Amino acid sequence: MEKKAVEHRISLVGIIVEAPDAVEKVNRILHEYADFVIGRMGIPYRQEKLSIISVVLDAPSEIVGALSGKLGMIENVSVKSLQSKVLK
């Protein structure tokens, strides 16, 4: 029987970090998924004491869901993900 290749999608994960002590936890989790990361952009919003992070991934849906779930469990962190409709 032939093994089916895992289908990837291009995804965008948006993260808002509302407490400085949560940034290290977020970075630790993002590092775990580094093999899937295409690019990352962080914007410090100092006036509001927020960090806004955008991460673009090339990964299976399950990986994006696992990453978003882990990040969403961190206190003072909000996460949303968006996936392309095109499978690779």
PDB file of N, CA and C in Angstrom:
ATOM      1  N   MET A   1       0.840  -1.171   0.000  1.00  0.00           N
ATOM      2  CA  MET A   1       0.000   0.000   0.000  1.00  0.00           C
ATOM      3  C   MET A   1       0.891   1.242   0.000  1.00  0.00           C
ATOM      4  N   GLU A   2       0.524   2.214  -0.816  1.00  0.00           N
ATOM      5  CA  GLU A   2       1.298   3.453  -0.928  1.00  0.00           C
ATOM      6  C   GLU A   2       0.932   4.409   0.199  1.00  0.00           C
ATOM      7  N   LYS A   3       1.961   4.994   0.814  1.00  0.00           N
ATOM      8  CA  LYS A   3       1.743   5.953   1.899  1.00  0.00           C
ATOM      9  C   LYS A   3       1.412   7.321   1.311  1.00  0.00           C
ATOM     10  N   LYS A   4       0.342   7.919   1.799  1.00  0.00           N
ATOM     11  CA  LYS A   4      -0.078   9.237   1.323  1.00  0.00           C
ATOM     12  C   LYS A   4       0.794  10.329   1.916  1.00  0.00           C
ATOM     13  N   ALA A   5       1.240  11.261   1.079  1.00  0.00           N
ATOM     14  CA  ALA A   5       2.045  12.392   1.553  1.00  0.00           C
ATOM     15  C   ALA A   5       1.171  13.329   2.392  1.00  0.00           C
ATOM     16  N   VAL A   6       1.766  13.916   3.387  1.00  0.00           N
ATOM     17  CA  VAL A   6       1.052  14.869   4.240  1.00  0.00           C
ATOM     18  C   VAL A   6       0.891  16.179   3.478  1.00  0.00           C
ATOM     19  N   GLU A   7      -0.324  16.695   3.465  1.00  0.00           N
ATOM     20  CA  GLU A   7      -0.598  17.924   2.735  1.00  0.00           C
ATOM     21  C   GLU A   7      -0.323  19.136   3.617  1.00  0.00           C
ATOM     22  N   HIS A   8       0.363  20.087   3.044  1.00  0.00           N
ATOM     23  CA  HIS A   8       0.712  21.322   3.748  1.00  0.00           C
ATOM     24  C   HIS A   8      -0.143  22.467   3.229  1.00  0.00           C
ATOM     25  N   ARG A   9      -0.273  23.476   4.061  1.00  0.00           N
ATOM     26  CA  ARG A   9      -0.913  24.741   3.689  1.00  0.00           C
ATOM     27  C   ARG A   9      -0.017  25.881   4.163  1.00  0.00           C
ATOM     28  N   ILE A  10      -0.143  26.999   3.501  1.00  0.00           N
ATOM     29  CA  ILE A  10       0.498  28.212   4.000  1.00  0.00           C
ATOM     30  C   ILE A  10      -0.459  28.818   5.020  1.00  0.00           C
ATOM     31  N   SER A  11       0.059  29.125   6.185  1.00  0.00           N
ATOM     32  CA  SER A  11      -0.772  29.624   7.274  1.00  0.00           C
ATOM     33  C   SER A  11      -0.158  30.868   7.889  1.00  0.00           C
ATOM     34  N   LEU A  12      -1.022  31.671   8.464  1.00  0.00           N
ATOM     35  CA  LEU A  12      -0.600  32.859   9.199  1.00  0.00           C
ATOM     36  C   LEU A  12      -1.138  32.741  10.621  1.00  0.00           C
ATOM     37  N   VAL A  13      -0.258  32.877  11.589  1.00  0.00           N
ATOM     38  CA  VAL A  13      -0.657  32.850  12.993  1.00  0.00           C
ATOM     39  C   VAL A  13      -0.393  34.238  13.568  1.00  0.00           C
ATOM     40  N   GLY A  14      -1.450  34.870  14.070  1.00  0.00           N
ATOM     41  CA  GLY A  14      -1.337  36.182  14.697  1.00  0.00           C
ATOM     42  C   GLY A  14      -1.372  36.024  16.207  1.00  0.00           C
ATOM     43  N   ILE A  15      -0.423  36.655  16.870  1.00  0.00           N
ATOM     44  CA  ILE A  15      -0.275  36.508  18.323  1.00  0.00           C
ATOM     45  C   ILE A  15      -0.202  37.900  18.950  1.00  0.00           C
ATOM     46  N   ILE A  16      -0.988  38.108  19.992  1.00  0.00           N
ATOM     47  CA  ILE A  16      -0.886  39.343  20.780  1.00  0.00           C
ATOM     48  C   ILE A  16      -0.511  38.938  22.196  1.00  0.00           C
ATOM     49  N   VAL A  17       0.605  39.486  22.660  1.00  0.00           N
ATOM     50  CA  VAL A  17       1.114  39.183  23.995  1.00  0.00           C
ATOM     51  C   VAL A  17       0.882  40.421  24.854  1.00  0.00           C
ATOM     52  N   GLU A  18       0.096  40.266  25.918  1.00  0.00           N
ATOM     53  CA  GLU A  18      -0.318  41.397  26.743  1.00  0.00           C
ATOM     54  C   GLU A  18       0.468  41.539  28.035  1.00  0.00           C
ATOM     55  N   ALA A  19       1.476  40.684  28.253  1.00  0.00           N
ATOM     56  CA  ALA A  19       2.302  40.768  29.465  1.00  0.00           C
ATOM     57  C   ALA A  19       3.730  40.382  29.110  1.00  0.00           C
ATOM     58  N   PRO A  20       4.701  41.180  29.514  1.00  0.00           N
ATOM     59  CA  PRO A  20       6.103  40.908  29.164  1.00  0.00           C
ATOM     60  C   PRO A  20       6.591  39.527  29.601  1.00  0.00           C
ATOM     61  N   ASP A  21       6.081  39.020  30.721  1.00  0.00           N
ATOM     62  CA  ASP A  21       6.556  37.726  31.199  1.00  0.00           C
ATOM     63  C   ASP A  21       6.086  36.562  30.324  1.00  0.00           C
ATOM     64  N   ALA A  22       5.122  36.778  29.449  1.00  0.00           N
ATOM     65  CA  ALA A  22       4.638  35.721  28.565  1.00  0.00           C
ATOM     66  C   ALA A  22       5.474  35.599  27.288  1.00  0.00           C
ATOM     67  N   VAL A  23       6.260  36.608  26.966  1.00  0.00           N
ATOM     68  CA  VAL A  23       7.030  36.615  25.718  1.00  0.00           C
ATOM     69  C   VAL A  23       8.000  35.438  25.656  1.00  0.00           C
ATOM     70  N   GLU A  24       8.682  35.150  26.738  1.00  0.00           N
ATOM     71  CA  GLU A  24       9.643  34.038  26.750  1.00  0.00           C
ATOM     72  C   GLU A  24       8.944  32.707  26.471  1.00  0.00           C
ATOM     73  N   LYS A  25       7.772  32.501  27.046  1.00  0.00           N
ATOM     74  CA  LYS A  25       7.017  31.271  26.817  1.00  0.00           C
ATOM     75  C   LYS A  25       6.602  31.151  25.354  1.00  0.00           C
ATOM     76  N   VAL A  26       6.159  32.253  24.778  1.00  0.00           N
ATOM     77  CA  VAL A  26       5.770  32.267  23.362  1.00  0.00           C
ATOM     78  C   VAL A  26       6.969  31.918  22.485  1.00  0.00           C
ATOM     79  N   ASN A  27       8.104  32.560  22.739  1.00  0.00           N
ATOM     80  CA  ASN A  27       9.295  32.294  21.935  1.00  0.00           C
ATOM     81  C   ASN A  27       9.759  30.844  22.051  1.00  0.00           C
ATOM     82  N   ARG A  28       9.641  30.276  23.236  1.00  0.00           N
ATOM     83  CA  ARG A  28      10.037  28.877  23.439  1.00  0.00           C
ATOM     84  C   ARG A  28       9.178  27.942  22.576  1.00  0.00           C
ATOM     85  N   ILE A  29       7.889  28.189  22.549  1.00  0.00           N
ATOM     86  CA  ILE A  29       6.988  27.354  21.740  1.00  0.00           C
ATOM     87  C   ILE A  29       7.239  27.571  20.256  1.00  0.00           C
ATOM     88  N   LEU A  30       7.416  28.811  19.836  1.00  0.00           N
ATOM     89  CA  LEU A  30       7.697  29.077  18.418  1.00  0.00           C
ATOM     90  C   LEU A  30       8.982  28.379  17.976  1.00  0.00           C
ATOM     91  N   HIS A  31       9.956  28.319  18.849  1.00  0.00           N
ATOM     92  CA  HIS A  31      11.218  27.638  18.523  1.00  0.00           C
ATOM     93  C   HIS A  31      10.993  26.148  18.268  1.00  0.00           C
ATOM     94  N   GLU A  32      10.060  25.541  18.988  1.00  0.00           N
ATOM     95  CA  GLU A  32       9.740  24.123  18.788  1.00  0.00           C
ATOM     96  C   GLU A  32       9.239  23.855  17.366  1.00  0.00           C
ATOM     97  N   TYR A  33       8.625  24.845  16.748  1.00  0.00           N
ATOM     98  CA  TYR A  33       8.032  24.699  15.422  1.00  0.00           C
ATOM     99  C   TYR A  33       8.857  25.388  14.333  1.00  0.00           C
ATOM    100  N   ALA A  34      10.103  25.680  14.619  1.00  0.00           N
ATOM    101  CA  ALA A  34      10.967  26.446  13.716  1.00  0.00           C
ATOM    102  C   ALA A  34      11.105  25.810  12.331  1.00  0.00           C
ATOM    103  N   ASP A  35      11.030  24.499  12.239  1.00  0.00           N
ATOM    104  CA  ASP A  35      11.175  23.832  10.937  1.00  0.00           C
ATOM    105  C   ASP A  35      10.042  24.190   9.973  1.00  0.00           C
ATOM    106  N   PHE A  36       8.922  24.658  10.481  1.00  0.00           N
ATOM    107  CA  PHE A  36       7.770  24.993   9.647  1.00  0.00           C
ATOM    108  C   PHE A  36       7.648  26.493   9.373  1.00  0.00           C
ATOM    109  N   VAL A  37       8.449  27.294  10.046  1.00  0.00           N
ATOM    110  CA  VAL A  37       8.332  28.759   9.951  1.00  0.00           C
ATOM    111  C   VAL A  37       8.997  29.268   8.675  1.00  0.00           C
ATOM    112  N   ILE A  38       8.230  30.009   7.891  1.00  0.00           N
ATOM    113  CA  ILE A  38       8.760  30.676   6.696  1.00  0.00           C
ATOM    114  C   ILE A  38       9.308  32.045   7.095  1.00  0.00           C
ATOM    115  N   GLY A  39       8.566  32.744   7.937  1.00  0.00           N
ATOM    116  CA  GLY A  39       8.980  34.076   8.369  1.00  0.00           C
ATOM    117  C   GLY A  39       8.219  34.511   9.593  1.00  0.00           C
ATOM    118  N   ARG A  40       8.778  35.510  10.245  1.00  0.00           N
ATOM    119  CA  ARG A  40       8.201  35.996  11.493  1.00  0.00           C
ATOM    120  C   ARG A  40       8.450  37.497  11.595  1.00  0.00           C
ATOM    121  N   MET A  41       7.447  38.223  12.096  1.00  0.00           N
ATOM    122  CA  MET A  41       7.602  39.658  12.299  1.00  0.00           C
ATOM    123  C   MET A  41       7.034  40.002  13.673  1.00  0.00           C
ATOM    124  N   GLY A  42       7.811  40.689  14.464  1.00  0.00           N
ATOM    125  CA  GLY A  42       7.363  41.129  15.780  1.00  0.00           C
ATOM    126  C   GLY A  42       7.309  42.643  15.842  1.00  0.00           C
ATOM    127  N   ILE A  43       6.232  43.150  16.420  1.00  0.00           N
ATOM    128  CA  ILE A  43       6.060  44.598  16.543  1.00  0.00           C
ATOM    129  C   ILE A  43       5.797  44.921  18.007  1.00  0.00           C
ATOM    130  N   PRO A  44       6.735  45.622  18.650  1.00  0.00           N
ATOM    131  CA  PRO A  44       6.462  46.059  20.021  1.00  0.00           C
ATOM    132  C   PRO A  44       5.593  47.315  19.995  1.00  0.00           C
ATOM    133  N   TYR A  45       4.511  47.296  20.710  1.00  0.00           N
ATOM    134  CA  TYR A  45       3.624  48.452  20.818  1.00  0.00           C
ATOM    135  C   TYR A  45       3.794  48.980  22.237  1.00  0.00           C
ATOM    136  N   ARG A  46       4.838  49.745  22.419  1.00  0.00           N
ATOM    137  CA  ARG A  46       5.261  50.159  23.753  1.00  0.00           C
ATOM    138  C   ARG A  46       4.220  50.978  24.499  1.00  0.00           C
ATOM    139  N   GLN A  47       3.508  51.852  23.787  1.00  0.00           N
ATOM    140  CA  GLN A  47       2.511  52.699  24.451  1.00  0.00           C
ATOM    141  C   GLN A  47       1.437  51.859  25.151  1.00  0.00           C
ATOM    142  N   GLU A  48       1.113  50.724  24.569  1.00  0.00           N
ATOM    143  CA  GLU A  48       0.071  49.855  25.130  1.00  0.00           C
ATOM    144  C   GLU A  48       0.646  48.650  25.870  1.00  0.00           C
ATOM    145  N   LYS A  49       1.980  48.566  25.918  1.00  0.00           N
ATOM    146  CA  LYS A  49       2.665  47.445  26.578  1.00  0.00           C
ATOM    147  C   LYS A  49       2.242  46.094  26.000  1.00  0.00           C
ATOM    148  N   LEU A  50       2.193  46.036  24.656  1.00  0.00           N
ATOM    149  CA  LEU A  50       1.822  44.828  23.932  1.00  0.00           C
ATOM    150  C   LEU A  50       2.946  44.421  22.990  1.00  0.00           C
ATOM    151  N   SER A  51       3.002  43.143  22.682  1.00  0.00           N
ATOM    152  CA  SER A  51       3.847  42.633  21.604  1.00  0.00           C
ATOM    153  C   SER A  51       2.925  41.962  20.601  1.00  0.00           C
ATOM    154  N   ILE A  52       3.082  42.301  19.340  1.00  0.00           N
ATOM    155  CA  ILE A  52       2.267  41.734  18.270  1.00  0.00           C
ATOM    156  C   ILE A  52       3.201  40.946  17.370  1.00  0.00           C
ATOM    157  N   ILE A  53       2.893  39.672  17.177  1.00  0.00           N
ATOM    158  CA  ILE A  53       3.768  38.789  16.405  1.00  0.00           C
ATOM    159  C   ILE A  53       2.955  38.128  15.302  1.00  0.00           C
ATOM    160  N   SER A  54       3.489  38.161  14.079  1.00  0.00           N
ATOM    161  CA  SER A  54       2.911  37.443  12.947  1.00  0.00           C
ATOM    162  C   SER A  54       3.893  36.361  12.536  1.00  0.00           C
ATOM    163  N   VAL A  55       3.404  35.141  12.369  1.00  0.00           N
ATOM    164  CA  VAL A  55       4.253  34.024  11.970  1.00  0.00           C
ATOM    165  C   VAL A  55       3.612  33.359  10.751  1.00  0.00           C
ATOM    166  N   VAL A  56       4.392  33.185   9.686  1.00  0.00           N
ATOM    167  CA  VAL A  56       3.932  32.503   8.485  1.00  0.00           C
ATOM    168  C   VAL A  56       4.550  31.112   8.469  1.00  0.00           C
ATOM    169  N   LEU A  57       3.695  30.110   8.266  1.00  0.00           N
ATOM    170  CA  LEU A  57       4.129  28.711   8.315  1.00  0.00           C
ATOM    171  C   LEU A  57       3.804  27.990   7.014  1.00  0.00           C
ATOM    172  N   ASP A  58       4.589  26.985   6.709  1.00  0.00           N
ATOM    173  CA  ASP A  58       4.283  26.002   5.667  1.00  0.00           C
ATOM    174  C   ASP A  58       4.206  24.684   6.412  1.00  0.00           C
ATOM    175  N   ALA A  59       2.980  24.253   6.742  1.00  0.00           N
ATOM    176  CA  ALA A  59       2.817  23.121   7.651  1.00  0.00           C
ATOM    177  C   ALA A  59       1.471  22.437   7.441  1.00  0.00           C
ATOM    178  N   PRO A  60       1.374  21.189   7.876  1.00  0.00           N
ATOM    179  CA  PRO A  60       0.070  20.520   7.878  1.00  0.00           C
ATOM    180  C   PRO A  60      -0.880  21.219   8.857  1.00  0.00           C
ATOM    181  N   SER A  61      -2.165  21.095   8.610  1.00  0.00           N
ATOM    182  CA  SER A  61      -3.172  21.726   9.466  1.00  0.00           C
ATOM    183  C   SER A  61      -3.031  21.315  10.923  1.00  0.00           C
ATOM    184  N   GLU A  62      -2.664  20.052  11.160  1.00  0.00           N
ATOM    185  CA  GLU A  62      -2.527  19.563  12.529  1.00  0.00           C
ATOM    186  C   GLU A  62      -1.424  20.294  13.283  1.00  0.00           C
ATOM    187  N   ILE A  63      -0.353  20.619  12.592  1.00  0.00           N
ATOM    188  CA  ILE A  63       0.768  21.337  13.211  1.00  0.00           C
ATOM    189  C   ILE A  63       0.336  22.755  13.575  1.00  0.00           C
ATOM    190  N   VAL A  64      -0.349  23.419  12.663  1.00  0.00           N
ATOM    191  CA  VAL A  64      -0.819  24.783  12.927  1.00  0.00           C
ATOM    192  C   VAL A  64      -1.781  24.785  14.107  1.00  0.00           C
ATOM    193  N   GLY A  65      -2.653  23.798  14.161  1.00  0.00           N
ATOM    194  CA  GLY A  65      -3.591  23.688  15.274  1.00  0.00           C
ATOM    195  C   GLY A  65      -2.896  23.438  16.598  1.00  0.00           C
ATOM    196  N   ALA A  66      -1.882  22.573  16.577  1.00  0.00           N
ATOM    197  CA  ALA A  66      -1.129  22.285  17.806  1.00  0.00           C
ATOM    198  C   ALA A  66      -0.387  23.524  18.290  1.00  0.00           C
ATOM    199  N   LEU A  67       0.252  24.229  17.374  1.00  0.00           N
ATOM    200  CA  LEU A  67       0.977  25.453  17.733  1.00  0.00           C
ATOM    201  C   LEU A  67       0.018  26.492  18.307  1.00  0.00           C
ATOM    202  N   SER A  68      -1.094  26.728  17.619  1.00  0.00           N
ATOM    203  CA  SER A  68      -2.073  27.715  18.087  1.00  0.00           C
ATOM    204  C   SER A  68      -2.640  27.325  19.446  1.00  0.00           C
ATOM    205  N   GLY A  69      -2.891  26.043  19.641  1.00  0.00           N
ATOM    206  CA  GLY A  69      -3.422  25.570  20.915  1.00  0.00           C
ATOM    207  C   GLY A  69      -2.461  25.791  22.062  1.00  0.00           C
ATOM    208  N   LYS A  70      -1.186  25.472  21.847  1.00  0.00           N
ATOM    209  CA  LYS A  70      -0.180  25.667  22.897  1.00  0.00           C
ATOM    210  C   LYS A  70      -0.033  27.142  23.240  1.00  0.00           C
ATOM    211  N   LEU A  71       0.005  27.983  22.207  1.00  0.00           N
ATOM    212  CA  LEU A  71       0.144  29.416  22.450  1.00  0.00           C
ATOM    213  C   LEU A  71      -1.083  29.970  23.172  1.00  0.00           C
ATOM    214  N   GLY A  72      -2.260  29.502  22.791  1.00  0.00           N
ATOM    215  CA  GLY A  72      -3.495  29.983  23.385  1.00  0.00           C
ATOM    216  C   GLY A  72      -3.658  29.612  24.850  1.00  0.00           C
ATOM    217  N   MET A  73      -2.909  28.623  25.311  1.00  0.00           N
ATOM    218  CA  MET A  73      -2.983  28.213  26.714  1.00  0.00           C
ATOM    219  C   MET A  73      -2.138  29.100  27.628  1.00  0.00           C
ATOM    220  N   ILE A  74      -1.304  29.948  27.033  1.00  0.00           N
ATOM    221  CA  ILE A  74      -0.465  30.841  27.833  1.00  0.00           C
ATOM    222  C   ILE A  74      -1.310  32.028  28.295  1.00  0.00           C
ATOM    223  N   GLU A  75      -1.232  32.318  29.585  1.00  0.00           N
ATOM    224  CA  GLU A  75      -1.971  33.446  30.149  1.00  0.00           C
ATOM    225  C   GLU A  75      -1.494  34.750  29.508  1.00  0.00           C
ATOM    226  N   ASN A  76      -2.423  35.644  29.213  1.00  0.00           N
ATOM    227  CA  ASN A  76      -2.154  36.959  28.611  1.00  0.00           C
ATOM    228  C   ASN A  76      -1.700  36.876  27.154  1.00  0.00           C
ATOM    229  N   VAL A  77      -2.047  35.775  26.470  1.00  0.00           N
ATOM    230  CA  VAL A  77      -1.711  35.624  25.054  1.00  0.00           C
ATOM    231  C   VAL A  77      -2.986  35.301  24.280  1.00  0.00           C
ATOM    232  N   SER A  78      -3.209  36.039  23.187  1.00  0.00           N
ATOM    233  CA  SER A  78      -4.334  35.786  22.284  1.00  0.00           C
ATOM    234  C   SER A  78      -3.777  35.322  20.952  1.00  0.00           C
ATOM    235  N   VAL A  79      -4.429  34.324  20.338  1.00  0.00           N
ATOM    236  CA  VAL A  79      -3.925  33.728  19.100  1.00  0.00           C
ATOM    237  C   VAL A  79      -5.069  33.485  18.129  1.00  0.00           C
ATOM    238  N   LYS A  80      -4.809  33.748  16.864  1.00  0.00           N
ATOM    239  CA  LYS A  80      -5.735  33.389  15.787  1.00  0.00           C
ATOM    240  C   LYS A  80      -4.897  32.879  14.619  1.00  0.00           C
ATOM    241  N   SER A  81      -5.429  31.880  13.912  1.00  0.00           N
ATOM    242  CA  SER A  81      -4.706  31.379  12.760  1.00  0.00           C
ATOM    243  C   SER A  81      -5.599  31.421  11.530  1.00  0.00           C
ATOM    244  N   LEU A  82      -4.951  31.525  10.396  1.00  0.00           N
ATOM    245  CA  LEU A  82      -5.618  31.613   9.106  1.00  0.00           C
ATOM    246  C   LEU A  82      -4.846  30.712   8.158  1.00  0.00           C
ATOM    247  N   GLN A  83      -5.562  29.863   7.420  1.00  0.00           N
ATOM    248  CA  GLN A  83      -4.893  28.946   6.498  1.00  0.00           C
ATOM    249  C   GLN A  83      -5.354  29.183   5.072  1.00  0.00           C
ATOM    250  N   SER A  84      -4.422  29.006   4.137  1.00  0.00           N
ATOM    251  CA  SER A  84      -4.773  29.130   2.719  1.00  0.00           C
ATOM    252  C   SER A  84      -5.685  27.970   2.344  1.00  0.00           C
ATOM    253  N   LYS A  85      -6.419  28.152   1.272  1.00  0.00           N
ATOM    254  CA  LYS A  85      -7.290  27.086   0.780  1.00  0.00           C
ATOM    255  C   LYS A  85      -6.526  26.101  -0.100  1.00  0.00           C
ATOM    256  N   VAL A  86      -5.366  26.502  -0.573  1.00  0.00           N
ATOM    257  CA  VAL A  86      -4.589  25.695  -1.499  1.00  0.00           C
ATOM    258  C   VAL A  86      -3.709  24.717  -0.741  1.00  0.00           C
ATOM    259  N   LEU A  87      -3.858  23.442  -1.056  1.00  0.00           N
ATOM    260  CA  LEU A  87      -3.005  22.414  -0.456  1.00  0.00           C
ATOM    261  C   LEU A  87      -1.744  22.279  -1.270  1.00  0.00           C
ATOM    262  N   LYS A  88      -0.640  21.979  -0.582  1.00  0.00           N
ATOM    263  CA  LYS A  88       0.635  21.750  -1.272  1.00  0.00           C
ATOM    264  C   LYS A  88       0.937  20.276  -1.261  1.00  0.00           C
TER     265      LYS A  88
END
